[in-house]
Amino acid sequence: MKHMHTLLIIAITLLFAASPLFAAITVVSVKGDALYSDGGAFKPLQKGMQLKEGTKIQTGAKSQAVLDIDGHIVTIKSFTLIKVYKNIAKKD
């Protein structure tokens, strides 16, 4: 029984240790002109979209996009171009 308990603890630890590798990037809201590119041409960004690491997001005048990056809310203001990574957003 003790051996099973130890294996369970190890499995749970590995599960939580691996979770940052698969960070969820979700579009919470979009206002105005916000576009994204995952390697190709820029397309309109839409609420509810799931984005992958390396996606570029661009906002125009009087625009903003709000992202949930692995549980952290990030607001992208007007006239911004960023590239989104696992659990951080870096200016491009």
PDB file of N, CA and C in Angstrom:
ATOM      1  N   MET A   1       0.827  -1.201   0.000  1.00  0.00           N
ATOM      2  CA  MET A   1       0.000   0.000   0.000  1.00  0.00           C
ATOM      3  C   MET A   1       0.864   1.254   0.000  1.00  0.00           C
ATOM      4  N   LYS A   2       1.971   1.223   0.777  1.00  0.00           N
ATOM      5  CA  LYS A   2       2.862   2.377   0.831  1.00  0.00           C
ATOM      6  C   LYS A   2       3.489   2.624  -0.548  1.00  0.00           C
ATOM      7  N   HIS A   3       3.792   1.545  -1.252  1.00  0.00           N
ATOM      8  CA  HIS A   3       4.377   1.664  -2.586  1.00  0.00           C
ATOM      9  C   HIS A   3       3.388   2.341  -3.548  1.00  0.00           C
ATOM     10  N   MET A   4       2.121   1.983  -3.464  1.00  0.00           N
ATOM     11  CA  MET A   4       1.086   2.583  -4.308  1.00  0.00           C
ATOM     12  C   MET A   4       0.930   4.068  -3.996  1.00  0.00           C
ATOM     13  N   HIS A   5       0.978   4.408  -2.726  1.00  0.00           N
ATOM     14  CA  HIS A   5       0.860   5.808  -2.298  1.00  0.00           C
ATOM     15  C   HIS A   5       2.020   6.633  -2.861  1.00  0.00           C
ATOM     16  N   THR A   6       3.221   6.077  -2.824  1.00  0.00           N
ATOM     17  CA  THR A   6       4.402   6.760  -3.360  1.00  0.00           C
ATOM     18  C   THR A   6       4.268   6.969  -4.867  1.00  0.00           C
ATOM     19  N   LEU A   7       3.806   5.951  -5.581  1.00  0.00           N
ATOM     20  CA  LEU A   7       3.617   6.080  -7.028  1.00  0.00           C
ATOM     21  C   LEU A   7       2.574   7.143  -7.361  1.00  0.00           C
ATOM     22  N   LEU A   8       1.514   7.211  -6.579  1.00  0.00           N
ATOM     23  CA  LEU A   8       0.479   8.214  -6.793  1.00  0.00           C
ATOM     24  C   LEU A   8       1.034   9.622  -6.600  1.00  0.00           C
ATOM     25  N   ILE A   9       1.817   9.826  -5.568  1.00  0.00           N
ATOM     26  CA  ILE A   9       2.429  11.139  -5.318  1.00  0.00           C
ATOM     27  C   ILE A   9       3.365  11.522  -6.458  1.00  0.00           C
ATOM     28  N   ILE A  10       4.158  10.577  -6.941  1.00  0.00           N
ATOM     29  CA  ILE A  10       5.075  10.851  -8.058  1.00  0.00           C
ATOM     30  C   ILE A  10       4.281  11.210  -9.318  1.00  0.00           C
ATOM     31  N   ALA A  11       3.213  10.475  -9.600  1.00  0.00           N
ATOM     32  CA  ALA A  11       2.399  10.748 -10.791  1.00  0.00           C
ATOM     33  C   ALA A  11       1.769  12.134 -10.731  1.00  0.00           C
ATOM     34  N   ILE A  12       1.235  12.516  -9.579  1.00  0.00           N
ATOM     35  CA  ILE A  12       0.623  13.840  -9.429  1.00  0.00           C
ATOM     36  C   ILE A  12       1.670  14.934  -9.575  1.00  0.00           C
ATOM     37  N   THR A  13       2.843  14.725  -8.990  1.00  0.00           N
ATOM     38  CA  THR A  13       3.929  15.706  -9.099  1.00  0.00           C
ATOM     39  C   THR A  13       4.342  15.901 -10.550  1.00  0.00           C
ATOM     40  N   LEU A  14       4.495  14.819 -11.291  1.00  0.00           N
ATOM     41  CA  LEU A  14       4.872  14.924 -12.704  1.00  0.00           C
ATOM     42  C   LEU A  14       3.790  15.609 -13.524  1.00  0.00           C
ATOM     43  N   LEU A  15       2.542  15.347 -13.211  1.00  0.00           N
ATOM     44  CA  LEU A  15       1.434  15.980 -13.923  1.00  0.00           C
ATOM     45  C   LEU A  15       1.480  17.492 -13.759  1.00  0.00           C
ATOM     46  N   PHE A  16       1.649  17.962 -12.526  1.00  0.00           N
ATOM     47  CA  PHE A  16       1.684  19.400 -12.290  1.00  0.00           C
ATOM     48  C   PHE A  16       2.984  20.027 -12.771  1.00  0.00           C
ATOM     49  N   ALA A  17       4.071  19.295 -12.754  1.00  0.00           N
ATOM     50  CA  ALA A  17       5.347  19.829 -13.239  1.00  0.00           C
ATOM     51  C   ALA A  17       5.305  20.032 -14.745  1.00  0.00           C
ATOM     52  N   ALA A  18       4.570  19.203 -15.460  1.00  0.00           N
ATOM     53  CA  ALA A  18       4.498  19.296 -16.922  1.00  0.00           C
ATOM     54  C   ALA A  18       3.489  20.325 -17.392  1.00  0.00           C
ATOM     55  N   SER A  19       2.574  20.760 -16.554  1.00  0.00           N
ATOM     56  CA  SER A  19       1.508  21.650 -17.004  1.00  0.00           C
ATOM     57  C   SER A  19       1.988  22.969 -17.591  1.00  0.00           C
ATOM     58  N   PRO A  20       3.075  23.622 -17.117  1.00  0.00           N
ATOM     59  CA  PRO A  20       3.509  24.857 -17.767  1.00  0.00           C
ATOM     60  C   PRO A  20       3.962  24.660 -19.211  1.00  0.00           C
ATOM     61  N   LEU A  21       4.323  23.436 -19.588  1.00  0.00           N
ATOM     62  CA  LEU A  21       4.738  23.182 -20.960  1.00  0.00           C
ATOM     63  C   LEU A  21       3.570  23.297 -21.934  1.00  0.00           C
ATOM     64  N   PHE A  22       2.361  23.193 -21.424  1.00  0.00           N
ATOM     65  CA  PHE A  22       1.174  23.237 -22.258  1.00  0.00           C
ATOM     66  C   PHE A  22       0.267  24.372 -21.810  1.00  0.00           C
ATOM     67  N   ALA A  23       0.820  25.563 -21.722  1.00  0.00           N
ATOM     68  CA  ALA A  23       0.069  26.723 -21.238  1.00  0.00           C
ATOM     69  C   ALA A  23      -1.095  27.026 -22.169  1.00  0.00           C
ATOM     70  N   ALA A  24      -2.229  27.327 -21.580  1.00  0.00           N
ATOM     71  CA  ALA A  24      -3.410  27.689 -22.352  1.00  0.00           C
ATOM     72  C   ALA A  24      -3.376  29.181 -22.654  1.00  0.00           C
ATOM     73  N   ILE A  25      -3.576  29.539 -23.918  1.00  0.00           N
ATOM     74  CA  ILE A  25      -3.638  30.939 -24.332  1.00  0.00           C
ATOM     75  C   ILE A  25      -5.005  31.133 -24.984  1.00  0.00           C
ATOM     76  N   THR A  26      -5.890  31.844 -24.286  1.00  0.00           N
ATOM     77  CA  THR A  26      -7.264  32.026 -24.739  1.00  0.00           C
ATOM     78  C   THR A  26      -7.578  33.503 -24.902  1.00  0.00           C
ATOM     79  N   VAL A  27      -8.274  33.854 -25.989  1.00  0.00           N
ATOM     80  CA  VAL A  27      -8.711  35.231 -26.209  1.00  0.00           C
ATOM     81  C   VAL A  27      -9.974  35.452 -25.373  1.00  0.00           C
ATOM     82  N   VAL A  28      -9.892  36.379 -24.410  1.00  0.00           N
ATOM     83  CA  VAL A  28     -11.016  36.679 -23.523  1.00  0.00           C
ATOM     84  C   VAL A  28     -11.960  37.681 -24.176  1.00  0.00           C
ATOM     85  N   SER A  29     -11.395  38.736 -24.780  1.00  0.00           N
ATOM     86  CA  SER A  29     -12.229  39.734 -25.455  1.00  0.00           C
ATOM     87  C   SER A  29     -11.416  40.476 -26.502  1.00  0.00           C
ATOM     88  N   VAL A  30     -12.137  41.046 -27.462  1.00  0.00           N
ATOM     89  CA  VAL A  30     -11.525  41.832 -28.535  1.00  0.00           C
ATOM     90  C   VAL A  30     -12.367  43.077 -28.732  1.00  0.00           C
ATOM     91  N   LYS A  31     -11.699  44.231 -28.819  1.00  0.00           N
ATOM     92  CA  LYS A  31     -12.396  45.493 -29.086  1.00  0.00           C
ATOM     93  C   LYS A  31     -11.669  46.187 -30.231  1.00  0.00           C
ATOM     94  N   GLY A  32     -12.390  46.543 -31.265  1.00  0.00           N
ATOM     95  CA  GLY A  32     -11.781  47.246 -32.392  1.00  0.00           C
ATOM     96  C   GLY A  32     -11.048  46.305 -33.326  1.00  0.00           C
ATOM     97  N   ASP A  33      -9.953  46.802 -33.899  1.00  0.00           N
ATOM     98  CA  ASP A  33      -9.185  46.098 -34.917  1.00  0.00           C
ATOM     99  C   ASP A  33      -8.034  45.331 -34.276  1.00  0.00           C
ATOM    100  N   ALA A  34      -8.218  44.028 -34.076  1.00  0.00           N
ATOM    101  CA  ALA A  34      -7.172  43.173 -33.517  1.00  0.00           C
ATOM    102  C   ALA A  34      -6.988  41.979 -34.446  1.00  0.00           C
ATOM    103  N   LEU A  35      -5.748  41.714 -34.798  1.00  0.00           N
ATOM    104  CA  LEU A  35      -5.421  40.653 -35.742  1.00  0.00           C
ATOM    105  C   LEU A  35      -4.418  39.694 -35.121  1.00  0.00           C
ATOM    106  N   TYR A  36      -4.334  38.469 -35.685  1.00  0.00           N
ATOM    107  CA  TYR A  36      -3.332  37.513 -35.233  1.00  0.00           C
ATOM    108  C   TYR A  36      -2.717  36.808 -36.434  1.00  0.00           C
ATOM    109  N   SER A  37      -1.502  36.306 -36.229  1.00  0.00           N
ATOM    110  CA  SER A  37      -0.823  35.518 -37.249  1.00  0.00           C
ATOM    111  C   SER A  37      -0.083  34.386 -36.550  1.00  0.00           C
ATOM    112  N   ASP A  38      -0.310  33.176 -37.029  1.00  0.00           N
ATOM    113  CA  ASP A  38       0.425  32.036 -36.481  1.00  0.00           C
ATOM    114  C   ASP A  38       1.436  31.521 -37.502  1.00  0.00           C
ATOM    115  N   GLY A  39       1.946  32.454 -38.287  1.00  0.00           N
ATOM    116  CA  GLY A  39       2.959  32.112 -39.274  1.00  0.00           C
ATOM    117  C   GLY A  39       2.581  32.549 -40.681  1.00  0.00           C
ATOM    118  N   GLY A  40       1.307  32.732 -40.930  1.00  0.00           N
ATOM    119  CA  GLY A  40       0.839  33.152 -42.244  1.00  0.00           C
ATOM    120  C   GLY A  40       0.383  34.597 -42.219  1.00  0.00           C
ATOM    121  N   ALA A  41      -0.622  34.888 -43.028  1.00  0.00           N
ATOM    122  CA  ALA A  41      -1.183  36.240 -43.090  1.00  0.00           C
ATOM    123  C   ALA A  41      -1.946  36.551 -41.804  1.00  0.00           C
ATOM    124  N   PHE A  42      -2.050  37.841 -41.478  1.00  0.00           N
ATOM    125  CA  PHE A  42      -2.814  38.258 -40.304  1.00  0.00           C
ATOM    126  C   PHE A  42      -4.302  38.087 -40.581  1.00  0.00           C
ATOM    127  N   LYS A  43      -5.023  37.574 -39.564  1.00  0.00           N
ATOM    128  CA  LYS A  43      -6.468  37.337 -39.648  1.00  0.00           C
ATOM    129  C   LYS A  43      -7.139  37.971 -38.438  1.00  0.00           C
ATOM    130  N   PRO A  44      -8.450  38.248 -38.516  1.00  0.00           N
ATOM    131  CA  PRO A  44      -9.149  38.851 -37.371  1.00  0.00           C
ATOM    132  C   PRO A  44      -9.109  37.946 -36.134  1.00  0.00           C
ATOM    133  N   LEU A  45      -8.796  38.541 -35.007  1.00  0.00           N
ATOM    134  CA  LEU A  45      -8.780  37.843 -33.723  1.00  0.00           C
ATOM    135  C   LEU A  45     -10.205  37.798 -33.185  1.00  0.00           C
ATOM    136  N   GLN A  46     -10.618  36.659 -32.644  1.00  0.00           N
ATOM    137  CA  GLN A  46     -11.990  36.512 -32.152  1.00  0.00           C
ATOM    138  C   GLN A  46     -12.013  35.973 -30.729  1.00  0.00           C
ATOM    139  N   LYS A  47     -12.989  36.435 -29.968  1.00  0.00           N
ATOM    140  CA  LYS A  47     -13.186  35.976 -28.595  1.00  0.00           C
ATOM    141  C   LYS A  47     -13.340  34.453 -28.570  1.00  0.00           C
ATOM    142  N   GLY A  48     -12.693  33.823 -27.593  1.00  0.00           N
ATOM    143  CA  GLY A  48     -12.801  32.378 -27.419  1.00  0.00           C
ATOM    144  C   GLY A  48     -11.753  31.566 -28.153  1.00  0.00           C
ATOM    145  N   MET A  49     -10.970  32.210 -29.021  1.00  0.00           N
ATOM    146  CA  MET A  49      -9.948  31.485 -29.769  1.00  0.00           C
ATOM    147  C   MET A  49      -8.872  30.952 -28.832  1.00  0.00           C
ATOM    148  N   GLN A  50      -8.320  29.791 -29.175  1.00  0.00           N
ATOM    149  CA  GLN A  50      -7.170  29.225 -28.482  1.00  0.00           C
ATOM    150  C   GLN A  50      -5.959  29.487 -29.370  1.00  0.00           C
ATOM    151  N   LEU A  51      -4.956  30.138 -28.827  1.00  0.00           N
ATOM    152  CA  LEU A  51      -3.770  30.479 -29.604  1.00  0.00           C
ATOM    153  C   LEU A  51      -2.607  29.589 -29.203  1.00  0.00           C
ATOM    154  N   LYS A  52      -1.689  29.385 -30.132  1.00  0.00           N
ATOM    155  CA  LYS A  52      -0.516  28.584 -29.812  1.00  0.00           C
ATOM    156  C   LYS A  52       0.686  29.489 -29.562  1.00  0.00           C
ATOM    157  N   GLU A  53       1.682  28.931 -28.936  1.00  0.00           N
ATOM    158  CA  GLU A  53       2.905  29.665 -28.648  1.00  0.00           C
ATOM    159  C   GLU A  53       3.507  30.192 -29.945  1.00  0.00           C
ATOM    160  N   GLY A  54       3.986  31.432 -29.911  1.00  0.00           N
ATOM    161  CA  GLY A  54       4.603  32.037 -31.081  1.00  0.00           C
ATOM    162  C   GLY A  54       3.648  32.850 -31.938  1.00  0.00           C
ATOM    163  N   THR A  55       2.367  32.868 -31.588  1.00  0.00           N
ATOM    164  CA  THR A  55       1.376  33.647 -32.331  1.00  0.00           C
ATOM    165  C   THR A  55       1.634  35.135 -32.143  1.00  0.00           C
ATOM    166  N   LYS A  56       1.559  35.896 -33.235  1.00  0.00           N
ATOM    167  CA  LYS A  56       1.688  37.354 -33.167  1.00  0.00           C
ATOM    168  C   LYS A  56       0.299  37.967 -33.082  1.00  0.00           C
ATOM    169  N   ILE A  57       0.172  39.003 -32.257  1.00  0.00           N
ATOM    170  CA  ILE A  57      -1.085  39.735 -32.128  1.00  0.00           C
ATOM    171  C   ILE A  57      -0.800  41.200 -32.367  1.00  0.00           C
ATOM    172  N   GLN A  58      -1.637  41.822 -33.199  1.00  0.00           N
ATOM    173  CA  GLN A  58      -1.479  43.234 -33.555  1.00  0.00           C
ATOM    174  C   GLN A  58      -2.801  43.951 -33.320  1.00  0.00           C
ATOM    175  N   THR A  59      -2.734  45.122 -32.683  1.00  0.00           N
ATOM    176  CA  THR A  59      -3.940  45.925 -32.459  1.00  0.00           C
ATOM    177  C   THR A  59      -3.804  47.259 -33.174  1.00  0.00           C
ATOM    178  N   GLY A  60      -4.933  47.792 -33.625  1.00  0.00           N
ATOM    179  CA  GLY A  60      -4.960  49.073 -34.315  1.00  0.00           C
ATOM    180  C   GLY A  60      -5.411  50.195 -33.396  1.00  0.00           C
ATOM    181  N   ALA A  61      -5.835  51.307 -34.009  1.00  0.00           N
ATOM    182  CA  ALA A  61      -6.286  52.486 -33.261  1.00  0.00           C
ATOM    183  C   ALA A  61      -7.525  52.159 -32.433  1.00  0.00           C
ATOM    184  N   LYS A  62      -7.569  52.669 -31.230  1.00  0.00           N
ATOM    185  CA  LYS A  62      -8.711  52.495 -30.316  1.00  0.00           C
ATOM    186  C   LYS A  62      -9.128  51.031 -30.202  1.00  0.00           C
ATOM    187  N   SER A  63      -8.151  50.141 -30.160  1.00  0.00           N
ATOM    188  CA  SER A  63      -8.404  48.705 -30.106  1.00  0.00           C
ATOM    189  C   SER A  63      -7.693  48.085 -28.915  1.00  0.00           C
ATOM    190  N   GLN A  64      -8.178  46.915 -28.513  1.00  0.00           N
ATOM    191  CA  GLN A  64      -7.470  46.150 -27.496  1.00  0.00           C
ATOM    192  C   GLN A  64      -7.894  44.694 -27.569  1.00  0.00           C
ATOM    193  N   ALA A  65      -7.026  43.826 -27.085  1.00  0.00           N
ATOM    194  CA  ALA A  65      -7.324  42.404 -26.964  1.00  0.00           C
ATOM    195  C   ALA A  65      -6.944  41.990 -25.550  1.00  0.00           C
ATOM    196  N   VAL A  66      -7.768  41.145 -24.958  1.00  0.00           N
ATOM    197  CA  VAL A  66      -7.482  40.632 -23.620  1.00  0.00           C
ATOM    198  C   VAL A  66      -7.264  39.129 -23.746  1.00  0.00           C
ATOM    199  N   LEU A  67      -6.123  38.657 -23.223  1.00  0.00           N
ATOM    200  CA  LEU A  67      -5.773  37.242 -23.277  1.00  0.00           C
ATOM    201  C   LEU A  67      -5.707  36.657 -21.881  1.00  0.00           C
ATOM    202  N   ASP A  68      -6.030  35.384 -21.787  1.00  0.00           N
ATOM    203  CA  ASP A  68      -5.796  34.611 -20.570  1.00  0.00           C
ATOM    204  C   ASP A  68      -4.650  33.671 -20.913  1.00  0.00           C
ATOM    205  N   ILE A  69      -3.475  33.964 -20.357  1.00  0.00           N
ATOM    206  CA  ILE A  69      -2.294  33.157 -20.627  1.00  0.00           C
ATOM    207  C   ILE A  69      -2.005  32.343 -19.377  1.00  0.00           C
ATOM    208  N   ASP A  70      -2.412  31.095 -19.422  1.00  0.00           N
ATOM    209  CA  ASP A  70      -2.191  30.171 -18.312  1.00  0.00           C
ATOM    210  C   ASP A  70      -2.681  30.739 -16.983  1.00  0.00           C
ATOM    211  N   GLY A  71      -3.868  31.368 -17.015  1.00  0.00           N
ATOM    212  CA  GLY A  71      -4.469  31.905 -15.799  1.00  0.00           C
ATOM    213  C   GLY A  71      -4.112  33.341 -15.481  1.00  0.00           C
ATOM    214  N   HIS A  72      -3.284  33.966 -16.302  1.00  0.00           N
ATOM    215  CA  HIS A  72      -2.895  35.364 -16.110  1.00  0.00           C
ATOM    216  C   HIS A  72      -3.550  36.212 -17.193  1.00  0.00           C
ATOM    217  N   ILE A  73      -4.242  37.280 -16.802  1.00  0.00           N
ATOM    218  CA  ILE A  73      -4.932  38.151 -17.752  1.00  0.00           C
ATOM    219  C   ILE A  73      -3.960  39.215 -18.261  1.00  0.00           C
ATOM    220  N   VAL A  74      -3.856  39.317 -19.587  1.00  0.00           N
ATOM    221  CA  VAL A  74      -2.967  40.280 -20.239  1.00  0.00           C
ATOM    222  C   VAL A  74      -3.810  41.127 -21.184  1.00  0.00           C
ATOM    223  N   THR A  75      -3.720  42.460 -21.049  1.00  0.00           N
ATOM    224  CA  THR A  75      -4.434  43.376 -21.936  1.00  0.00           C
ATOM    225  C   THR A  75      -3.445  43.970 -22.926  1.00  0.00           C
ATOM    226  N   ILE A  76      -3.751  43.830 -24.210  1.00  0.00           N
ATOM    227  CA  ILE A  76      -2.909  44.369 -25.273  1.00  0.00           C
ATOM    228  C   ILE A  76      -3.592  45.630 -25.774  1.00  0.00           C
ATOM    229  N   LYS A  77      -2.956  46.765 -25.567  1.00  0.00           N
ATOM    230  CA  LYS A  77      -3.538  48.073 -25.894  1.00  0.00           C
ATOM    231  C   LYS A  77      -3.360  48.418 -27.378  1.00  0.00           C
ATOM    232  N   SER A  78      -3.879  49.598 -27.769  1.00  0.00           N
ATOM    233  CA  SER A  78      -3.814  50.092 -29.152  1.00  0.00           C
ATOM    234  C   SER A  78      -2.386  50.175 -29.679  1.00  0.00           C
ATOM    235  N   PHE A  79      -2.266  49.980 -30.984  1.00  0.00           N
ATOM    236  CA  PHE A  79      -0.997  50.099 -31.706  1.00  0.00           C
ATOM    237  C   PHE A  79       0.115  49.263 -31.080  1.00  0.00           C
ATOM    238  N   THR A  80      -0.173  47.985 -30.841  1.00  0.00           N
ATOM    239  CA  THR A  80       0.806  47.077 -30.245  1.00  0.00           C
ATOM    240  C   THR A  80       0.977  45.858 -31.135  1.00  0.00           C
ATOM    241  N   LEU A  81       2.206  45.372 -31.221  1.00  0.00           N
ATOM    242  CA  LEU A  81       2.499  44.109 -31.890  1.00  0.00           C
ATOM    243  C   LEU A  81       3.306  43.277 -30.909  1.00  0.00           C
ATOM    244  N   ILE A  82       2.767  42.117 -30.512  1.00  0.00           N
ATOM    245  CA  ILE A  82       3.487  41.235 -29.598  1.00  0.00           C
ATOM    246  C   ILE A  82       3.504  39.827 -30.161  1.00  0.00           C
ATOM    247  N   LYS A  83       4.401  39.033 -29.625  1.00  0.00           N
ATOM    248  CA  LYS A  83       4.467  37.613 -29.930  1.00  0.00           C
ATOM    249  C   LYS A  83       4.244  36.888 -28.611  1.00  0.00           C
ATOM    250  N   VAL A  84       3.286  35.978 -28.576  1.00  0.00           N
ATOM    251  CA  VAL A  84       2.889  35.317 -27.334  1.00  0.00           C
ATOM    252  C   VAL A  84       3.672  34.019 -27.153  1.00  0.00           C
ATOM    253  N   TYR A  85       4.218  33.841 -25.961  1.00  0.00           N
ATOM    254  CA  TYR A  85       4.929  32.619 -25.595  1.00  0.00           C
ATOM    255  C   TYR A  85       4.170  31.903 -24.498  1.00  0.00           C
ATOM    256  N   LYS A  86       4.602  30.712 -24.132  1.00  0.00           N
ATOM    257  CA  LYS A  86       3.900  29.839 -23.190  1.00  0.00           C
ATOM    258  C   LYS A  86       3.171  30.569 -22.087  1.00  0.00           C
ATOM    259  N   ASN A  87       3.890  31.203 -21.206  1.00  0.00           N
ATOM    260  CA  ASN A  87       3.216  31.854 -20.088  1.00  0.00           C
ATOM    261  C   ASN A  87       3.674  33.288 -19.905  1.00  0.00           C
ATOM    262  N   ILE A  88       4.204  33.878 -20.985  1.00  0.00           N
ATOM    263  CA  ILE A  88       4.575  35.289 -20.960  1.00  0.00           C
ATOM    264  C   ILE A  88       4.267  35.909 -22.314  1.00  0.00           C
ATOM    265  N   ALA A  89       4.139  37.210 -22.355  1.00  0.00           N
ATOM    266  CA  ALA A  89       3.974  37.927 -23.617  1.00  0.00           C
ATOM    267  C   ALA A  89       5.174  38.843 -23.762  1.00  0.00           C
ATOM    268  N   LYS A  90       5.873  38.750 -24.879  1.00  0.00           N
ATOM    269  CA  LYS A  90       7.051  39.572 -25.123  1.00  0.00           C
ATOM    270  C   LYS A  90       6.742  40.554 -26.235  1.00  0.00           C
ATOM    271  N   LYS A  91       7.249  41.793 -26.107  1.00  0.00           N
ATOM    272  CA  LYS A  91       7.112  42.753 -27.204  1.00  0.00           C
ATOM    273  C   LYS A  91       7.968  42.276 -28.358  1.00  0.00           C
ATOM    274  N   ASP A  92       7.458  42.408 -29.564  1.00  0.00           N
ATOM    275  CA  ASP A  92       8.171  41.954 -30.753  1.00  0.00           C
ATOM    276  C   ASP A  92       9.115  43.017 -31.262  1.00  0.00           C
TER     277      ASP A  92
END
